[in-house]
Amino acid sequence: MLWIKAFHLIAMVTWFSALFYLPRLFVYHAMSEDTISQERFKIMERKLYYGIMTPGAVLTVLLGLWLLHSYAWALYKTTLWLHLKIGLVAILILYHLYCGHLRRQFQRNANQHTHRYYRWLNEFPVFLLFGIVILAVVKPF
């Protein structure tokens, strides 16, 4: 089970690195004014979303479910920390999907937000990361 947990953590780090980087690309994309830069950002965003972010998310969730099934199922019924962690992961999945929606808007040249919006959006997964890690490690409830 330690191998599964290790790969779960590796996938989670991969997923979060992309979750931090994609909105940063959106900041620069929203600020760009020339077609060459905009097309370059579209390629970078697509490759990041489909090549790193989504596989990281899928592996994180699948390995997490494997861990839950293997030895934490009994905990799931009795511990609040695990319920809260799963809830935060669900919010993170929604954030991931929202980033995909924003990426498609950029792809169609239909961005509706300023670079400031994306700067704020970029901070959201930090709070989720803090909550998820604290719940998983400290298990306060």
N, C-alpha and C. Protein backbone atom coordinates (compact mmCIF):
# COMPACT_ATOMS: atom_id res chain seq x y z
N MET A 1 0.81 -1.21 0.00
CA MET A 1 0.00 0.00 0.00
C MET A 1 0.85 1.27 0.00
N LEU A 2 2.06 1.17 0.51
CA LEU A 2 2.92 2.36 0.51
C LEU A 2 3.28 2.79 -0.91
N TRP A 3 3.41 1.84 -1.84
CA TRP A 3 3.67 2.19 -3.23
C TRP A 3 2.49 2.95 -3.83
N ILE A 4 1.30 2.50 -3.51
CA ILE A 4 0.10 3.18 -4.02
C ILE A 4 0.03 4.59 -3.45
N LYS A 5 0.32 4.72 -2.16
CA LYS A 5 0.31 6.04 -1.53
C LYS A 5 1.37 6.95 -2.15
N ALA A 6 2.56 6.40 -2.42
CA ALA A 6 3.63 7.19 -3.04
C ALA A 6 3.21 7.69 -4.42
N PHE A 7 2.65 6.80 -5.23
CA PHE A 7 2.21 7.22 -6.56
C PHE A 7 1.03 8.17 -6.50
N HIS A 8 0.18 8.01 -5.50
CA HIS A 8 -0.92 8.95 -5.27
C HIS A 8 -0.36 10.35 -5.01
N LEU A 9 0.65 10.44 -4.16
CA LEU A 9 1.26 11.74 -3.86
C LEU A 9 1.98 12.33 -5.06
N ILE A 10 2.66 11.50 -5.84
CA ILE A 10 3.33 11.98 -7.05
C ILE A 10 2.31 12.53 -8.04
N ALA A 11 1.22 11.82 -8.23
CA ALA A 11 0.16 12.28 -9.14
C ALA A 11 -0.44 13.58 -8.62
N MET A 12 -0.63 13.68 -7.29
CA MET A 12 -1.21 14.89 -6.71
C MET A 12 -0.28 16.09 -6.92
N VAL A 13 1.01 15.90 -6.73
CA VAL A 13 1.96 16.99 -6.95
C VAL A 13 1.95 17.41 -8.42
N THR A 14 1.88 16.45 -9.32
CA THR A 14 1.80 16.75 -10.75
C THR A 14 0.54 17.56 -11.06
N TRP A 15 -0.58 17.11 -10.53
CA TRP A 15 -1.86 17.78 -10.75
C TRP A 15 -1.82 19.21 -10.22
N PHE A 16 -1.33 19.38 -8.99
CA PHE A 16 -1.31 20.71 -8.41
C PHE A 16 -0.33 21.64 -9.14
N SER A 17 0.78 21.11 -9.60
CA SER A 17 1.70 21.99 -10.32
C SER A 17 1.03 22.55 -11.57
N ALA A 18 0.25 21.72 -12.24
CA ALA A 18 -0.47 22.20 -13.43
C ALA A 18 -1.62 23.13 -13.04
N LEU A 19 -2.28 22.85 -11.91
CA LEU A 19 -3.36 23.73 -11.44
C LEU A 19 -2.82 25.12 -11.08
N PHE A 20 -1.59 25.17 -10.62
CA PHE A 20 -0.97 26.47 -10.32
C PHE A 20 -0.50 27.18 -11.60
N TYR A 21 -0.05 26.41 -12.58
CA TYR A 21 0.55 27.01 -13.77
C TYR A 21 -0.47 27.44 -14.81
N LEU A 22 -1.55 26.67 -15.01
CA LEU A 22 -2.51 27.01 -16.06
C LEU A 22 -3.13 28.39 -15.87
N PRO A 23 -3.63 28.74 -14.68
CA PRO A 23 -4.17 30.10 -14.52
C PRO A 23 -3.10 31.18 -14.71
N ARG A 24 -1.85 30.86 -14.41
CA ARG A 24 -0.76 31.82 -14.66
C ARG A 24 -0.61 32.02 -16.17
N LEU A 25 -0.73 30.96 -16.94
CA LEU A 25 -0.72 31.11 -18.40
C LEU A 25 -1.90 31.95 -18.86
N PHE A 26 -3.05 31.78 -18.20
CA PHE A 26 -4.22 32.59 -18.54
C PHE A 26 -3.94 34.08 -18.29
N VAL A 27 -3.20 34.38 -17.23
CA VAL A 27 -2.84 35.78 -16.94
C VAL A 27 -2.08 36.36 -18.12
N TYR A 28 -1.05 35.65 -18.54
CA TYR A 28 -0.21 36.15 -19.64
C TYR A 28 -0.97 36.15 -20.97
N HIS A 29 -1.82 35.15 -21.16
CA HIS A 29 -2.62 35.09 -22.39
C HIS A 29 -3.58 36.28 -22.46
N ALA A 30 -4.22 36.60 -21.33
CA ALA A 30 -5.16 37.73 -21.29
C ALA A 30 -4.44 39.05 -21.53
N MET A 31 -3.16 39.13 -21.19
CA MET A 31 -2.39 40.36 -21.38
C MET A 31 -1.79 40.46 -22.78
N SER A 32 -1.71 39.33 -23.49
CA SER A 32 -1.05 39.35 -24.81
C SER A 32 -1.93 40.06 -25.84
N GLU A 33 -1.26 40.72 -26.76
CA GLU A 33 -1.98 41.48 -27.77
C GLU A 33 -1.69 41.05 -29.19
N ASP A 34 -0.61 40.29 -29.38
CA ASP A 34 -0.27 39.89 -30.74
C ASP A 34 -0.71 38.45 -30.99
N THR A 35 -1.03 38.16 -32.22
CA THR A 35 -1.57 36.86 -32.61
C THR A 35 -0.58 35.73 -32.36
N ILE A 36 0.68 35.97 -32.61
CA ILE A 36 1.69 34.92 -32.41
C ILE A 36 1.73 34.47 -30.95
N SER A 37 1.73 35.42 -30.04
CA SER A 37 1.73 35.08 -28.61
C SER A 37 0.45 34.36 -28.22
N GLN A 38 -0.67 34.84 -28.70
CA GLN A 38 -1.96 34.21 -28.36
C GLN A 38 -2.02 32.78 -28.85
N GLU A 39 -1.52 32.53 -30.04
CA GLU A 39 -1.52 31.16 -30.57
C GLU A 39 -0.56 30.27 -29.78
N ARG A 40 0.56 30.82 -29.37
CA ARG A 40 1.52 30.07 -28.56
C ARG A 40 0.89 29.70 -27.21
N PHE A 41 0.18 30.63 -26.58
CA PHE A 41 -0.48 30.34 -25.31
C PHE A 41 -1.55 29.26 -25.47
N LYS A 42 -2.26 29.29 -26.58
CA LYS A 42 -3.28 28.27 -26.82
C LYS A 42 -2.66 26.87 -26.84
N ILE A 43 -1.53 26.75 -27.50
CA ILE A 43 -0.83 25.47 -27.56
C ILE A 43 -0.34 25.04 -26.18
N MET A 44 0.28 25.97 -25.46
CA MET A 44 0.79 25.66 -24.13
C MET A 44 -0.35 25.24 -23.19
N GLU A 45 -1.45 25.97 -23.23
CA GLU A 45 -2.59 25.67 -22.35
C GLU A 45 -3.19 24.31 -22.67
N ARG A 46 -3.32 24.00 -23.96
CA ARG A 46 -3.89 22.72 -24.37
C ARG A 46 -2.99 21.57 -23.92
N LYS A 47 -1.70 21.70 -24.16
CA LYS A 47 -0.77 20.63 -23.79
C LYS A 47 -0.70 20.45 -22.28
N LEU A 48 -0.74 21.54 -21.55
CA LEU A 48 -0.71 21.46 -20.09
C LEU A 48 -1.98 20.80 -19.57
N TYR A 49 -3.13 21.22 -20.08
CA TYR A 49 -4.42 20.71 -19.60
C TYR A 49 -4.57 19.21 -19.91
N TYR A 50 -4.30 18.83 -21.15
CA TYR A 50 -4.54 17.44 -21.55
C TYR A 50 -3.34 16.53 -21.32
N GLY A 51 -2.14 17.09 -21.32
CA GLY A 51 -0.95 16.26 -21.20
C GLY A 51 -0.45 16.06 -19.77
N ILE A 52 -0.74 17.01 -18.89
CA ILE A 52 -0.24 16.93 -17.52
C ILE A 52 -1.36 17.01 -16.50
N MET A 53 -2.19 18.04 -16.62
CA MET A 53 -3.19 18.32 -15.59
C MET A 53 -4.25 17.22 -15.50
N THR A 54 -4.86 16.86 -16.61
CA THR A 54 -5.92 15.86 -16.58
C THR A 54 -5.39 14.47 -16.22
N PRO A 55 -4.27 14.01 -16.81
CA PRO A 55 -3.75 12.71 -16.35
C PRO A 55 -3.38 12.73 -14.86
N GLY A 56 -2.83 13.83 -14.37
CA GLY A 56 -2.52 13.94 -12.94
C GLY A 56 -3.77 13.85 -12.09
N ALA A 57 -4.84 14.49 -12.53
CA ALA A 57 -6.11 14.45 -11.80
C ALA A 57 -6.69 13.04 -11.79
N VAL A 58 -6.70 12.41 -12.95
CA VAL A 58 -7.27 11.06 -13.06
C VAL A 58 -6.48 10.08 -12.19
N LEU A 59 -5.17 10.13 -12.27
CA LEU A 59 -4.35 9.23 -11.45
C LEU A 59 -4.52 9.50 -9.96
N THR A 60 -4.58 10.77 -9.60
CA THR A 60 -4.77 11.12 -8.19
C THR A 60 -6.09 10.54 -7.66
N VAL A 61 -7.15 10.73 -8.41
CA VAL A 61 -8.46 10.26 -7.98
C VAL A 61 -8.50 8.73 -7.95
N LEU A 62 -8.01 8.09 -9.00
CA LEU A 62 -8.05 6.62 -9.05
C LEU A 62 -7.22 6.00 -7.93
N LEU A 63 -6.01 6.51 -7.72
CA LEU A 63 -5.17 5.98 -6.66
C LEU A 63 -5.75 6.29 -5.28
N GLY A 64 -6.38 7.45 -5.15
CA GLY A 64 -7.05 7.78 -3.90
C GLY A 64 -8.21 6.84 -3.62
N LEU A 65 -8.97 6.50 -4.64
CA LEU A 65 -10.06 5.54 -4.47
C LEU A 65 -9.52 4.16 -4.11
N TRP A 66 -8.39 3.79 -4.70
CA TRP A 66 -7.75 2.51 -4.37
C TRP A 66 -7.35 2.49 -2.90
N LEU A 67 -6.75 3.59 -2.44
CA LEU A 67 -6.37 3.68 -1.03
C LEU A 67 -7.61 3.64 -0.13
N LEU A 68 -8.62 4.36 -0.53
CA LEU A 68 -9.86 4.37 0.26
C LEU A 68 -10.45 2.97 0.36
N HIS A 69 -10.47 2.29 -0.74
CA HIS A 69 -11.01 0.92 -0.76
C HIS A 69 -10.14 -0.04 0.04
N SER A 70 -8.83 0.12 -0.06
CA SER A 70 -7.91 -0.84 0.54
C SER A 70 -7.86 -0.81 2.05
N TYR A 71 -7.70 0.37 2.62
CA TYR A 71 -7.56 0.37 4.07
C TYR A 71 -8.22 1.53 4.80
N ALA A 72 -8.82 2.41 4.08
CA ALA A 72 -9.43 3.55 4.75
C ALA A 72 -10.95 3.48 4.77
N TRP A 73 -11.53 2.44 4.17
CA TRP A 73 -12.98 2.37 4.10
C TRP A 73 -13.61 2.38 5.49
N ALA A 74 -12.99 1.66 6.42
CA ALA A 74 -13.50 1.66 7.80
C ALA A 74 -13.41 3.06 8.40
N LEU A 75 -12.35 3.77 8.05
CA LEU A 75 -12.19 5.15 8.54
C LEU A 75 -13.26 6.06 7.95
N TYR A 76 -13.61 5.81 6.69
CA TYR A 76 -14.56 6.68 6.01
C TYR A 76 -15.89 6.77 6.76
N LYS A 77 -16.27 5.68 7.37
CA LYS A 77 -17.56 5.63 8.06
C LYS A 77 -17.52 6.35 9.41
N THR A 78 -16.31 6.57 9.95
CA THR A 78 -16.23 7.09 11.32
C THR A 78 -15.47 8.40 11.46
N THR A 79 -14.80 8.87 10.45
CA THR A 79 -13.96 10.06 10.62
C THR A 79 -14.42 11.22 9.75
N LEU A 80 -14.52 12.36 10.38
CA LEU A 80 -14.94 13.57 9.68
C LEU A 80 -13.85 14.11 8.76
N TRP A 81 -12.58 13.96 9.15
CA TRP A 81 -11.49 14.52 8.34
C TRP A 81 -11.51 13.96 6.92
N LEU A 82 -11.81 12.67 6.78
CA LEU A 82 -11.81 12.06 5.46
C LEU A 82 -12.98 12.57 4.61
N HIS A 83 -14.13 12.77 5.24
CA HIS A 83 -15.27 13.35 4.52
C HIS A 83 -14.93 14.75 4.02
N LEU A 84 -14.30 15.54 4.89
CA LEU A 84 -13.93 16.91 4.50
C LEU A 84 -12.90 16.90 3.39
N LYS A 85 -11.92 16.01 3.49
CA LYS A 85 -10.88 15.92 2.46
C LYS A 85 -11.50 15.56 1.11
N ILE A 86 -12.39 14.58 1.11
CA ILE A 86 -13.04 14.18 -0.14
C ILE A 86 -13.89 15.34 -0.69
N GLY A 87 -14.51 16.09 0.20
CA GLY A 87 -15.26 17.27 -0.24
C GLY A 87 -14.37 18.32 -0.89
N LEU A 88 -13.19 18.55 -0.31
CA LEU A 88 -12.26 19.51 -0.90
C LEU A 88 -11.73 19.01 -2.25
N VAL A 89 -11.51 17.72 -2.35
CA VAL A 89 -11.07 17.14 -3.63
C VAL A 89 -12.18 17.32 -4.68
N ALA A 90 -13.42 17.16 -4.28
CA ALA A 90 -14.54 17.38 -5.21
C ALA A 90 -14.55 18.83 -5.70
N ILE A 91 -14.31 19.77 -4.80
CA ILE A 91 -14.23 21.18 -5.20
C ILE A 91 -13.06 21.39 -6.15
N LEU A 92 -11.95 20.72 -5.87
CA LEU A 92 -10.78 20.82 -6.74
C LEU A 92 -11.07 20.28 -8.14
N ILE A 93 -11.83 19.22 -8.22
CA ILE A 93 -12.22 18.67 -9.53
C ILE A 93 -13.08 19.68 -10.28
N LEU A 94 -14.00 20.34 -9.58
CA LEU A 94 -14.81 21.38 -10.22
C LEU A 94 -13.95 22.54 -10.70
N TYR A 95 -12.95 22.92 -9.90
CA TYR A 95 -12.00 23.97 -10.31
C TYR A 95 -11.25 23.54 -11.57
N HIS A 96 -10.82 22.29 -11.60
CA HIS A 96 -10.14 21.74 -12.76
C HIS A 96 -11.02 21.86 -14.00
N LEU A 97 -12.27 21.45 -13.88
CA LEU A 97 -13.20 21.53 -15.01
C LEU A 97 -13.47 22.97 -15.43
N TYR A 98 -13.53 23.88 -14.45
CA TYR A 98 -13.72 25.29 -14.76
C TYR A 98 -12.51 25.83 -15.54
N CYS A 99 -11.31 25.41 -15.15
CA CYS A 99 -10.12 25.81 -15.91
C CYS A 99 -10.19 25.29 -17.34
N GLY A 100 -10.72 24.09 -17.53
CA GLY A 100 -10.91 23.56 -18.88
C GLY A 100 -11.90 24.41 -19.67
N HIS A 101 -12.95 24.87 -19.01
CA HIS A 101 -13.93 25.76 -19.65
C HIS A 101 -13.25 27.06 -20.09
N LEU A 102 -12.45 27.63 -19.20
CA LEU A 102 -11.74 28.87 -19.53
C LEU A 102 -10.76 28.66 -20.66
N ARG A 103 -10.09 27.51 -20.68
CA ARG A 103 -9.14 27.19 -21.74
C ARG A 103 -9.86 27.14 -23.09
N ARG A 104 -11.06 26.53 -23.09
CA ARG A 104 -11.83 26.48 -24.34
C ARG A 104 -12.27 27.88 -24.79
N GLN A 105 -12.57 28.76 -23.84
CA GLN A 105 -12.91 30.14 -24.21
C GLN A 105 -11.72 30.82 -24.88
N PHE A 106 -10.54 30.66 -24.30
CA PHE A 106 -9.35 31.23 -24.93
C PHE A 106 -9.15 30.63 -26.32
N GLN A 107 -9.36 29.33 -26.45
CA GLN A 107 -9.17 28.64 -27.74
C GLN A 107 -10.07 29.25 -28.82
N ARG A 108 -11.27 29.67 -28.43
CA ARG A 108 -12.23 30.26 -29.39
C ARG A 108 -12.09 31.78 -29.48
N ASN A 109 -11.05 32.32 -28.84
CA ASN A 109 -10.87 33.78 -28.77
C ASN A 109 -12.07 34.47 -28.14
N ALA A 110 -12.62 33.85 -27.11
CA ALA A 110 -13.82 34.38 -26.46
C ALA A 110 -13.58 34.63 -24.97
N ASN A 111 -12.35 34.97 -24.61
CA ASN A 111 -12.05 35.26 -23.20
C ASN A 111 -12.89 36.45 -22.73
N GLN A 112 -13.45 36.32 -21.53
CA GLN A 112 -14.31 37.37 -21.00
C GLN A 112 -13.75 38.02 -19.73
N HIS A 113 -12.52 37.67 -19.35
CA HIS A 113 -11.97 38.16 -18.08
C HIS A 113 -10.65 38.87 -18.29
N THR A 114 -10.32 39.71 -17.31
CA THR A 114 -9.04 40.42 -17.35
C THR A 114 -7.95 39.58 -16.70
N HIS A 115 -6.72 40.02 -16.87
CA HIS A 115 -5.61 39.31 -16.25
C HIS A 115 -5.73 39.34 -14.73
N ARG A 116 -6.36 40.35 -14.16
CA ARG A 116 -6.55 40.42 -12.70
C ARG A 116 -7.44 39.28 -12.21
N TYR A 117 -8.47 38.98 -12.96
CA TYR A 117 -9.35 37.86 -12.60
C TYR A 117 -8.54 36.57 -12.50
N TYR A 118 -7.68 36.33 -13.48
CA TYR A 118 -6.89 35.10 -13.49
C TYR A 118 -5.83 35.09 -12.39
N ARG A 119 -5.35 36.27 -12.02
CA ARG A 119 -4.41 36.33 -10.89
C ARG A 119 -5.10 35.87 -9.60
N TRP A 120 -6.33 36.30 -9.40
CA TRP A 120 -7.09 35.86 -8.22
C TRP A 120 -7.45 34.38 -8.33
N LEU A 121 -7.86 33.96 -9.49
CA LEU A 121 -8.21 32.56 -9.71
C LEU A 121 -7.01 31.65 -9.42
N ASN A 122 -5.83 32.13 -9.72
CA ASN A 122 -4.61 31.37 -9.51
C ASN A 122 -4.37 31.04 -8.04
N GLU A 123 -4.92 31.83 -7.13
CA GLU A 123 -4.70 31.61 -5.70
C GLU A 123 -5.63 30.57 -5.10
N PHE A 124 -6.75 30.28 -5.73
CA PHE A 124 -7.75 29.40 -5.16
C PHE A 124 -7.23 28.00 -4.80
N PRO A 125 -6.47 27.33 -5.69
CA PRO A 125 -6.02 25.97 -5.33
C PRO A 125 -5.05 25.94 -4.15
N VAL A 126 -4.43 27.08 -3.84
CA VAL A 126 -3.53 27.11 -2.68
C VAL A 126 -4.31 26.80 -1.41
N PHE A 127 -5.49 27.39 -1.27
CA PHE A 127 -6.31 27.15 -0.08
C PHE A 127 -6.78 25.71 -0.01
N LEU A 128 -7.13 25.15 -1.17
CA LEU A 128 -7.53 23.75 -1.20
C LEU A 128 -6.37 22.84 -0.83
N LEU A 129 -5.18 23.16 -1.33
CA LEU A 129 -3.99 22.36 -1.00
C LEU A 129 -3.73 22.36 0.50
N PHE A 130 -3.78 23.53 1.12
CA PHE A 130 -3.58 23.62 2.56
C PHE A 130 -4.60 22.74 3.29
N GLY A 131 -5.86 22.87 2.94
CA GLY A 131 -6.90 22.11 3.60
C GLY A 131 -6.73 20.61 3.42
N ILE A 132 -6.46 20.19 2.20
CA ILE A 132 -6.33 18.76 1.91
C ILE A 132 -5.15 18.15 2.65
N VAL A 133 -4.01 18.82 2.59
CA VAL A 133 -2.82 18.27 3.25
C VAL A 133 -2.99 18.25 4.76
N ILE A 134 -3.52 19.32 5.33
CA ILE A 134 -3.72 19.34 6.79
C ILE A 134 -4.69 18.25 7.21
N LEU A 135 -5.77 18.09 6.48
CA LEU A 135 -6.73 17.04 6.82
C LEU A 135 -6.11 15.65 6.71
N ALA A 136 -5.30 15.41 5.68
CA ALA A 136 -4.71 14.09 5.47
C ALA A 136 -3.60 13.79 6.47
N VAL A 137 -2.82 14.77 6.84
CA VAL A 137 -1.67 14.54 7.71
C VAL A 137 -2.02 14.67 9.18
N VAL A 138 -2.69 15.75 9.54
CA VAL A 138 -2.99 16.04 10.95
C VAL A 138 -4.22 15.27 11.41
N LYS A 139 -5.18 15.06 10.50
CA LYS A 139 -6.45 14.39 10.82
C LYS A 139 -7.10 15.01 12.07
N PRO A 140 -7.44 16.29 12.01
CA PRO A 140 -7.90 16.99 13.21
C PRO A 140 -9.29 16.58 13.70
N PHE A 141 -10.05 15.88 12.91
CA PHE A 141 -11.43 15.52 13.32
C PHE A 141 -11.57 14.01 13.34
